[in-house]
Amino acid sequence: MDDQHKNNPLHGVTLKMVLEALVEHYGWRELYNYVEIRCFYNDPSISSSLKFLRKTPWARKKVENLYLDLPKKS
């Protein structure tokens, strides 16, 4: 890994991977409790959530931080 990415815990992890892991761990309703955005509550889907998160930096940052706080699988 080069110096540019060695301190980035999300290097190599796509937004889709982040979202899928969070949905698997929390489910949509619980995820909405952590990050209150409508696409997690009203007819949620990976596709619609990805579109929103790619256009909304503050929401993406909250989702990525929540992902980083997930307990790691052994």
PDB file of N, CA and C in Angstrom:
ATOM      1  N   MET A   1       0.847  -1.163   0.000  1.00  0.00           N
ATOM      2  CA  MET A   1       0.000   0.000   0.000  1.00  0.00           C
ATOM      3  C   MET A   1       0.899   1.235   0.000  1.00  0.00           C
ATOM      4  N   ASP A   2       0.592   2.221  -0.832  1.00  0.00           N
ATOM      5  CA  ASP A   2       1.443   3.401  -0.884  1.00  0.00           C
ATOM      6  C   ASP A   2       1.120   4.360   0.260  1.00  0.00           C
ATOM      7  N   ASP A   3       2.016   5.332   0.447  1.00  0.00           N
ATOM      8  CA  ASP A   3       1.882   6.265   1.566  1.00  0.00           C
ATOM      9  C   ASP A   3       0.595   7.074   1.529  1.00  0.00           C
ATOM     10  N   GLN A   4       0.111   7.342   0.344  1.00  0.00           N
ATOM     11  CA  GLN A   4      -1.095   8.164   0.200  1.00  0.00           C
ATOM     12  C   GLN A   4      -2.318   7.499   0.827  1.00  0.00           C
ATOM     13  N   HIS A   5      -2.382   6.192   0.833  1.00  0.00           N
ATOM     14  CA  HIS A   5      -3.573   5.478   1.286  1.00  0.00           C
ATOM     15  C   HIS A   5      -3.390   4.706   2.588  1.00  0.00           C
ATOM     16  N   LYS A   6      -2.207   4.663   3.141  1.00  0.00           N
ATOM     17  CA  LYS A   6      -1.977   3.802   4.295  1.00  0.00           C
ATOM     18  C   LYS A   6      -2.772   4.218   5.530  1.00  0.00           C
ATOM     19  N   ASN A   7      -3.133   5.484   5.655  1.00  0.00           N
ATOM     20  CA  ASN A   7      -3.892   5.952   6.811  1.00  0.00           C
ATOM     21  C   ASN A   7      -5.374   6.103   6.523  1.00  0.00           C
ATOM     22  N   ASN A   8      -5.820   5.644   5.382  1.00  0.00           N
ATOM     23  CA  ASN A   8      -7.229   5.742   5.013  1.00  0.00           C
ATOM     24  C   ASN A   8      -7.900   4.382   5.242  1.00  0.00           C
ATOM     25  N   PRO A   9      -8.703   4.253   6.296  1.00  0.00           N
ATOM     26  CA  PRO A   9      -9.325   2.959   6.588  1.00  0.00           C
ATOM     27  C   PRO A   9     -10.377   2.548   5.553  1.00  0.00           C
ATOM     28  N   LEU A  10     -10.809   3.477   4.723  1.00  0.00           N
ATOM     29  CA  LEU A  10     -11.812   3.157   3.700  1.00  0.00           C
ATOM     30  C   LEU A  10     -11.184   2.893   2.327  1.00  0.00           C
ATOM     31  N   HIS A  11      -9.863   2.895   2.251  1.00  0.00           N
ATOM     32  CA  HIS A  11      -9.207   2.626   0.973  1.00  0.00           C
ATOM     33  C   HIS A  11      -9.577   1.222   0.479  1.00  0.00           C
ATOM     34  N   GLY A  12     -10.084   1.152  -0.730  1.00  0.00           N
ATOM     35  CA  GLY A  12     -10.468  -0.132  -1.319  1.00  0.00           C
ATOM     36  C   GLY A  12     -11.875  -0.579  -0.962  1.00  0.00           C
ATOM     37  N   VAL A  13     -12.599   0.206  -0.174  1.00  0.00           N
ATOM     38  CA  VAL A  13     -13.959  -0.133   0.231  1.00  0.00           C
ATOM     39  C   VAL A  13     -14.907   0.802  -0.513  1.00  0.00           C
ATOM     40  N   THR A  14     -15.807   0.237  -1.302  1.00  0.00           N
ATOM     41  CA  THR A  14     -16.732   1.066  -2.070  1.00  0.00           C
ATOM     42  C   THR A  14     -17.893   1.519  -1.191  1.00  0.00           C
ATOM     43  N   LEU A  15     -18.557   2.563  -1.631  1.00  0.00           N
ATOM     44  CA  LEU A  15     -19.726   3.049  -0.915  1.00  0.00           C
ATOM     45  C   LEU A  15     -20.811   1.966  -0.878  1.00  0.00           C
ATOM     46  N   LYS A  16     -20.921   1.210  -1.934  1.00  0.00           N
ATOM     47  CA  LYS A  16     -21.902   0.118  -1.968  1.00  0.00           C
ATOM     48  C   LYS A  16     -21.573  -0.937  -0.907  1.00  0.00           C
ATOM     49  N   MET A  17     -20.310  -1.268  -0.754  1.00  0.00           N
ATOM     50  CA  MET A  17     -19.894  -2.239   0.264  1.00  0.00           C
ATOM     51  C   MET A  17     -20.214  -1.715   1.659  1.00  0.00           C
ATOM     52  N   VAL A  18     -19.969  -0.422   1.877  1.00  0.00           N
ATOM     53  CA  VAL A  18     -20.260   0.210   3.164  1.00  0.00           C
ATOM     54  C   VAL A  18     -21.745   0.106   3.468  1.00  0.00           C
ATOM     55  N   LEU A  19     -22.570   0.506   2.510  1.00  0.00           N
ATOM     56  CA  LEU A  19     -24.012   0.508   2.697  1.00  0.00           C
ATOM     57  C   LEU A  19     -24.561  -0.903   2.912  1.00  0.00           C
ATOM     58  N   GLU A  20     -24.097  -1.854   2.145  1.00  0.00           N
ATOM     59  CA  GLU A  20     -24.555  -3.240   2.308  1.00  0.00           C
ATOM     60  C   GLU A  20     -24.191  -3.794   3.680  1.00  0.00           C
ATOM     61  N   ALA A  21     -23.002  -3.479   4.162  1.00  0.00           N
ATOM     62  CA  ALA A  21     -22.586  -3.948   5.489  1.00  0.00           C
ATOM     63  C   ALA A  21     -23.459  -3.329   6.577  1.00  0.00           C
ATOM     64  N   LEU A  22     -23.772  -2.047   6.442  1.00  0.00           N
ATOM     65  CA  LEU A  22     -24.611  -1.377   7.434  1.00  0.00           C
ATOM     66  C   LEU A  22     -26.034  -1.918   7.426  1.00  0.00           C
ATOM     67  N   VAL A  23     -26.583  -2.161   6.256  1.00  0.00           N
ATOM     68  CA  VAL A  23     -27.941  -2.707   6.162  1.00  0.00           C
ATOM     69  C   VAL A  23     -27.980  -4.116   6.735  1.00  0.00           C
ATOM     70  N   GLU A  24     -26.945  -4.899   6.462  1.00  0.00           N
ATOM     71  CA  GLU A  24     -26.884  -6.257   7.013  1.00  0.00           C
ATOM     72  C   GLU A  24     -26.805  -6.220   8.538  1.00  0.00           C
ATOM     73  N   HIS A  25     -26.026  -5.301   9.069  1.00  0.00           N
ATOM     74  CA  HIS A  25     -25.821  -5.230  10.518  1.00  0.00           C
ATOM     75  C   HIS A  25     -27.020  -4.612  11.243  1.00  0.00           C
ATOM     76  N   TYR A  26     -27.516  -3.485  10.730  1.00  0.00           N
ATOM     77  CA  TYR A  26     -28.561  -2.735  11.426  1.00  0.00           C
ATOM     78  C   TYR A  26     -29.966  -2.934  10.865  1.00  0.00           C
ATOM     79  N   GLY A  27     -30.084  -3.138   9.572  1.00  0.00           N
ATOM     80  CA  GLY A  27     -31.391  -3.100   8.919  1.00  0.00           C
ATOM     81  C   GLY A  27     -31.722  -1.649   8.586  1.00  0.00           C
ATOM     82  N   TRP A  28     -32.676  -1.460   7.686  1.00  0.00           N
ATOM     83  CA  TRP A  28     -32.990  -0.106   7.222  1.00  0.00           C
ATOM     84  C   TRP A  28     -33.538   0.795   8.325  1.00  0.00           C
ATOM     85  N   ARG A  29     -34.453   0.300   9.126  1.00  0.00           N
ATOM     86  CA  ARG A  29     -35.084   1.150  10.159  1.00  0.00           C
ATOM     87  C   ARG A  29     -34.068   1.614  11.203  1.00  0.00           C
ATOM     88  N   GLU A  30     -33.247   0.708  11.657  1.00  0.00           N
ATOM     89  CA  GLU A  30     -32.236   1.076  12.651  1.00  0.00           C
ATOM     90  C   GLU A  30     -31.199   2.011  12.033  1.00  0.00           C
ATOM     91  N   LEU A  31     -30.852   1.777  10.783  1.00  0.00           N
ATOM     92  CA  LEU A  31     -29.919   2.654  10.086  1.00  0.00           C
ATOM     93  C   LEU A  31     -30.484   4.068  10.003  1.00  0.00           C
ATOM     94  N   TYR A  32     -31.778   4.177   9.767  1.00  0.00           N
ATOM     95  CA  TYR A  32     -32.441   5.478   9.752  1.00  0.00           C
ATOM     96  C   TYR A  32     -32.327   6.174  11.113  1.00  0.00           C
ATOM     97  N   ASN A  33     -32.357   5.417  12.190  1.00  0.00           N
ATOM     98  CA  ASN A  33     -32.211   6.006  13.525  1.00  0.00           C
ATOM     99  C   ASN A  33     -30.829   6.635  13.727  1.00  0.00           C
ATOM    100  N   TYR A  34     -29.824   6.093  13.072  1.00  0.00           N
ATOM    101  CA  TYR A  34     -28.473   6.635  13.177  1.00  0.00           C
ATOM    102  C   TYR A  34     -28.238   7.794  12.215  1.00  0.00           C
ATOM    103  N   VAL A  35     -28.760   7.660  11.003  1.00  0.00           N
ATOM    104  CA  VAL A  35     -28.598   8.695   9.976  1.00  0.00           C
ATOM    105  C   VAL A  35     -29.980   8.971   9.401  1.00  0.00           C
ATOM    106  N   GLU A  36     -30.590  10.049   9.840  1.00  0.00           N
ATOM    107  CA  GLU A  36     -31.973  10.339   9.467  1.00  0.00           C
ATOM    108  C   GLU A  36     -32.072  10.948   8.072  1.00  0.00           C
ATOM    109  N   ILE A  37     -32.054  10.069   7.087  1.00  0.00           N
ATOM    110  CA  ILE A  37     -32.292  10.494   5.718  1.00  0.00           C
ATOM    111  C   ILE A  37     -33.430   9.654   5.148  1.00  0.00           C
ATOM    112  N   ARG A  38     -34.258  10.312   4.389  1.00  0.00           N
ATOM    113  CA  ARG A  38     -35.499   9.705   3.913  1.00  0.00           C
ATOM    114  C   ARG A  38     -35.291   8.422   3.112  1.00  0.00           C
ATOM    115  N   CYS A  39     -34.195   8.334   2.367  1.00  0.00           N
ATOM    116  CA  CYS A  39     -33.992   7.143   1.542  1.00  0.00           C
ATOM    117  C   CYS A  39     -33.727   5.893   2.385  1.00  0.00           C
ATOM    118  N   PHE A  40     -33.480   6.044   3.693  1.00  0.00           N
ATOM    119  CA  PHE A  40     -33.339   4.892   4.580  1.00  0.00           C
ATOM    120  C   PHE A  40     -34.678   4.504   5.207  1.00  0.00           C
ATOM    121  N   TYR A  41     -35.672   5.358   5.079  1.00  0.00           N
ATOM    122  CA  TYR A  41     -36.955   5.133   5.749  1.00  0.00           C
ATOM    123  C   TYR A  41     -38.096   4.850   4.769  1.00  0.00           C
ATOM    124  N   ASN A  42     -38.189   5.658   3.737  1.00  0.00           N
ATOM    125  CA  ASN A  42     -39.299   5.565   2.813  1.00  0.00           C
ATOM    126  C   ASN A  42     -38.912   4.732   1.589  1.00  0.00           C
ATOM    127  N   ASP A  43     -39.396   3.503   1.525  1.00  0.00           N
ATOM    128  CA  ASP A  43     -39.109   2.583   0.420  1.00  0.00           C
ATOM    129  C   ASP A  43     -37.600   2.461   0.157  1.00  0.00           C
ATOM    130  N   PRO A  44     -36.832   2.024   1.145  1.00  0.00           N
ATOM    131  CA  PRO A  44     -35.367   2.017   1.013  1.00  0.00           C
ATOM    132  C   PRO A  44     -34.859   0.992   0.008  1.00  0.00           C
ATOM    133  N   SER A  45     -33.804   1.361  -0.675  1.00  0.00           N
ATOM    134  CA  SER A  45     -33.105   0.431  -1.561  1.00  0.00           C
ATOM    135  C   SER A  45     -31.644   0.854  -1.631  1.00  0.00           C
ATOM    136  N   ILE A  46     -30.803  -0.074  -1.971  1.00  0.00           N
ATOM    137  CA  ILE A  46     -29.376   0.222  -2.122  1.00  0.00           C
ATOM    138  C   ILE A  46     -29.192   1.262  -3.224  1.00  0.00           C
ATOM    139  N   SER A  47     -29.879   1.078  -4.327  1.00  0.00           N
ATOM    140  CA  SER A  47     -29.735   1.966  -5.481  1.00  0.00           C
ATOM    141  C   SER A  47     -30.097   3.413  -5.161  1.00  0.00           C
ATOM    142  N   SER A  48     -31.268   3.630  -4.567  1.00  0.00           N
ATOM    143  CA  SER A  48     -31.682   5.001  -4.265  1.00  0.00           C
ATOM    144  C   SER A  48     -30.786   5.627  -3.203  1.00  0.00           C
ATOM    145  N   SER A  49     -30.345   4.834  -2.247  1.00  0.00           N
ATOM    146  CA  SER A  49     -29.469   5.345  -1.198  1.00  0.00           C
ATOM    147  C   SER A  49     -28.110   5.731  -1.757  1.00  0.00           C
ATOM    148  N   LEU A  50     -27.575   4.922  -2.660  1.00  0.00           N
ATOM    149  CA  LEU A  50     -26.290   5.247  -3.272  1.00  0.00           C
ATOM    150  C   LEU A  50     -26.366   6.550  -4.057  1.00  0.00           C
ATOM    151  N   LYS A  51     -27.448   6.734  -4.810  1.00  0.00           N
ATOM    152  CA  LYS A  51     -27.612   7.973  -5.577  1.00  0.00           C
ATOM    153  C   LYS A  51     -27.601   9.177  -4.650  1.00  0.00           C
ATOM    154  N   PHE A  52     -28.328   9.094  -3.548  1.00  0.00           N
ATOM    155  CA  PHE A  52     -28.391  10.203  -2.608  1.00  0.00           C
ATOM    156  C   PHE A  52     -27.043  10.441  -1.940  1.00  0.00           C
ATOM    157  N   LEU A  53     -26.419   9.385  -1.462  1.00  0.00           N
ATOM    158  CA  LEU A  53     -25.160   9.519  -0.733  1.00  0.00           C
ATOM    159  C   LEU A  53     -24.036  10.062  -1.614  1.00  0.00           C
ATOM    160  N   ARG A  54     -24.055   9.724  -2.890  1.00  0.00           N
ATOM    161  CA  ARG A  54     -23.014  10.228  -3.800  1.00  0.00           C
ATOM    162  C   ARG A  54     -23.157  11.727  -4.049  1.00  0.00           C
ATOM    163  N   LYS A  55     -24.364  12.247  -3.888  1.00  0.00           N
ATOM    164  CA  LYS A  55     -24.601  13.673  -4.113  1.00  0.00           C
ATOM    165  C   LYS A  55     -24.590  14.497  -2.830  1.00  0.00           C
ATOM    166  N   THR A  56     -24.529  13.846  -1.662  1.00  0.00           N
ATOM    167  CA  THR A  56     -24.702  14.547  -0.392  1.00  0.00           C
ATOM    168  C   THR A  56     -23.535  14.225   0.552  1.00  0.00           C
ATOM    169  N   PRO A  57     -22.512  15.074   0.520  1.00  0.00           N
ATOM    170  CA  PRO A  57     -21.301  14.777   1.306  1.00  0.00           C
ATOM    171  C   PRO A  57     -21.524  14.614   2.811  1.00  0.00           C
ATOM    172  N   TRP A  58     -22.398  15.411   3.430  1.00  0.00           N
ATOM    173  CA  TRP A  58     -22.589  15.303   4.876  1.00  0.00           C
ATOM    174  C   TRP A  58     -23.195  13.947   5.238  1.00  0.00           C
ATOM    175  N   ALA A  59     -24.127  13.447   4.416  1.00  0.00           N
ATOM    176  CA  ALA A  59     -24.756  12.149   4.692  1.00  0.00           C
ATOM    177  C   ALA A  59     -23.762  11.016   4.448  1.00  0.00           C
ATOM    178  N   ARG A  60     -22.985  11.135   3.386  1.00  0.00           N
ATOM    179  CA  ARG A  60     -21.981  10.110   3.099  1.00  0.00           C
ATOM    180  C   ARG A  60     -20.977  10.011   4.248  1.00  0.00           C
ATOM    181  N   LYS A  61     -20.554  11.145   4.777  1.00  0.00           N
ATOM    182  CA  LYS A  61     -19.591  11.152   5.876  1.00  0.00           C
ATOM    183  C   LYS A  61     -20.165  10.454   7.110  1.00  0.00           C
ATOM    184  N   LYS A  62     -21.435  10.720   7.424  1.00  0.00           N
ATOM    185  CA  LYS A  62     -22.072  10.059   8.569  1.00  0.00           C
ATOM    186  C   LYS A  62     -22.135   8.542   8.364  1.00  0.00           C
ATOM    187  N   VAL A  63     -22.482   8.125   7.159  1.00  0.00           N
ATOM    188  CA  VAL A  63     -22.577   6.693   6.848  1.00  0.00           C
ATOM    189  C   VAL A  63     -21.200   6.041   6.939  1.00  0.00           C
ATOM    190  N   GLU A  64     -20.192   6.690   6.391  1.00  0.00           N
ATOM    191  CA  GLU A  64     -18.838   6.130   6.449  1.00  0.00           C
ATOM    192  C   GLU A  64     -18.341   6.042   7.895  1.00  0.00           C
ATOM    193  N   ASN A  65     -18.621   7.052   8.698  1.00  0.00           N
ATOM    194  CA  ASN A  65     -18.206   7.009  10.108  1.00  0.00           C
ATOM    195  C   ASN A  65     -18.920   5.901  10.868  1.00  0.00           C
ATOM    196  N   LEU A  66     -20.199   5.697  10.577  1.00  0.00           N
ATOM    197  CA  LEU A  66     -20.944   4.617  11.207  1.00  0.00           C
ATOM    198  C   LEU A  66     -20.341   3.261  10.818  1.00  0.00           C
ATOM    199  N   TYR A  67     -19.958   3.128   9.562  1.00  0.00           N
ATOM    200  CA  TYR A  67     -19.320   1.905   9.080  1.00  0.00           C
ATOM    201  C   TYR A  67     -18.006   1.643   9.824  1.00  0.00           C
ATOM    202  N   LEU A  68     -17.223   2.697  10.020  1.00  0.00           N
ATOM    203  CA  LEU A  68     -15.936   2.540  10.703  1.00  0.00           C
ATOM    204  C   LEU A  68     -16.116   2.125  12.155  1.00  0.00           C
ATOM    205  N   ASP A  69     -17.283   2.418  12.730  1.00  0.00           N
ATOM    206  CA  ASP A  69     -17.567   2.027  14.119  1.00  0.00           C
ATOM    207  C   ASP A  69     -18.156   0.627  14.265  1.00  0.00           C
ATOM    208  N   LEU A  70     -18.439  -0.028  13.132  1.00  0.00           N
ATOM    209  CA  LEU A  70     -18.975  -1.402  13.199  1.00  0.00           C
ATOM    210  C   LEU A  70     -17.932  -2.337  13.817  1.00  0.00           C
ATOM    211  N   PRO A  71     -18.395  -3.281  14.622  1.00  0.00           N
ATOM    212  CA  PRO A  71     -17.450  -4.293  15.118  1.00  0.00           C
ATOM    213  C   PRO A  71     -16.930  -5.117  13.941  1.00  0.00           C
ATOM    214  N   LYS A  72     -15.650  -5.325  13.896  1.00  0.00           N
ATOM    215  CA  LYS A  72     -15.028  -6.071  12.796  1.00  0.00           C
ATOM    216  C   LYS A  72     -15.210  -7.572  12.986  1.00  0.00           C
ATOM    217  N   LYS A  73     -15.537  -8.224  11.871  1.00  0.00           N
ATOM    218  CA  LYS A  73     -15.675  -9.699  11.903  1.00  0.00           C
ATOM    219  C   LYS A  73     -14.286 -10.329  11.942  1.00  0.00           C
ATOM    220  N   SER A  74     -14.188 -11.413  12.678  1.00  0.00           N
ATOM    221  CA  SER A  74     -12.887 -12.094  12.796  1.00  0.00           C
ATOM    222  C   SER A  74     -12.667 -13.027  11.643  1.00  0.00           C
TER     223      SER A  74
END
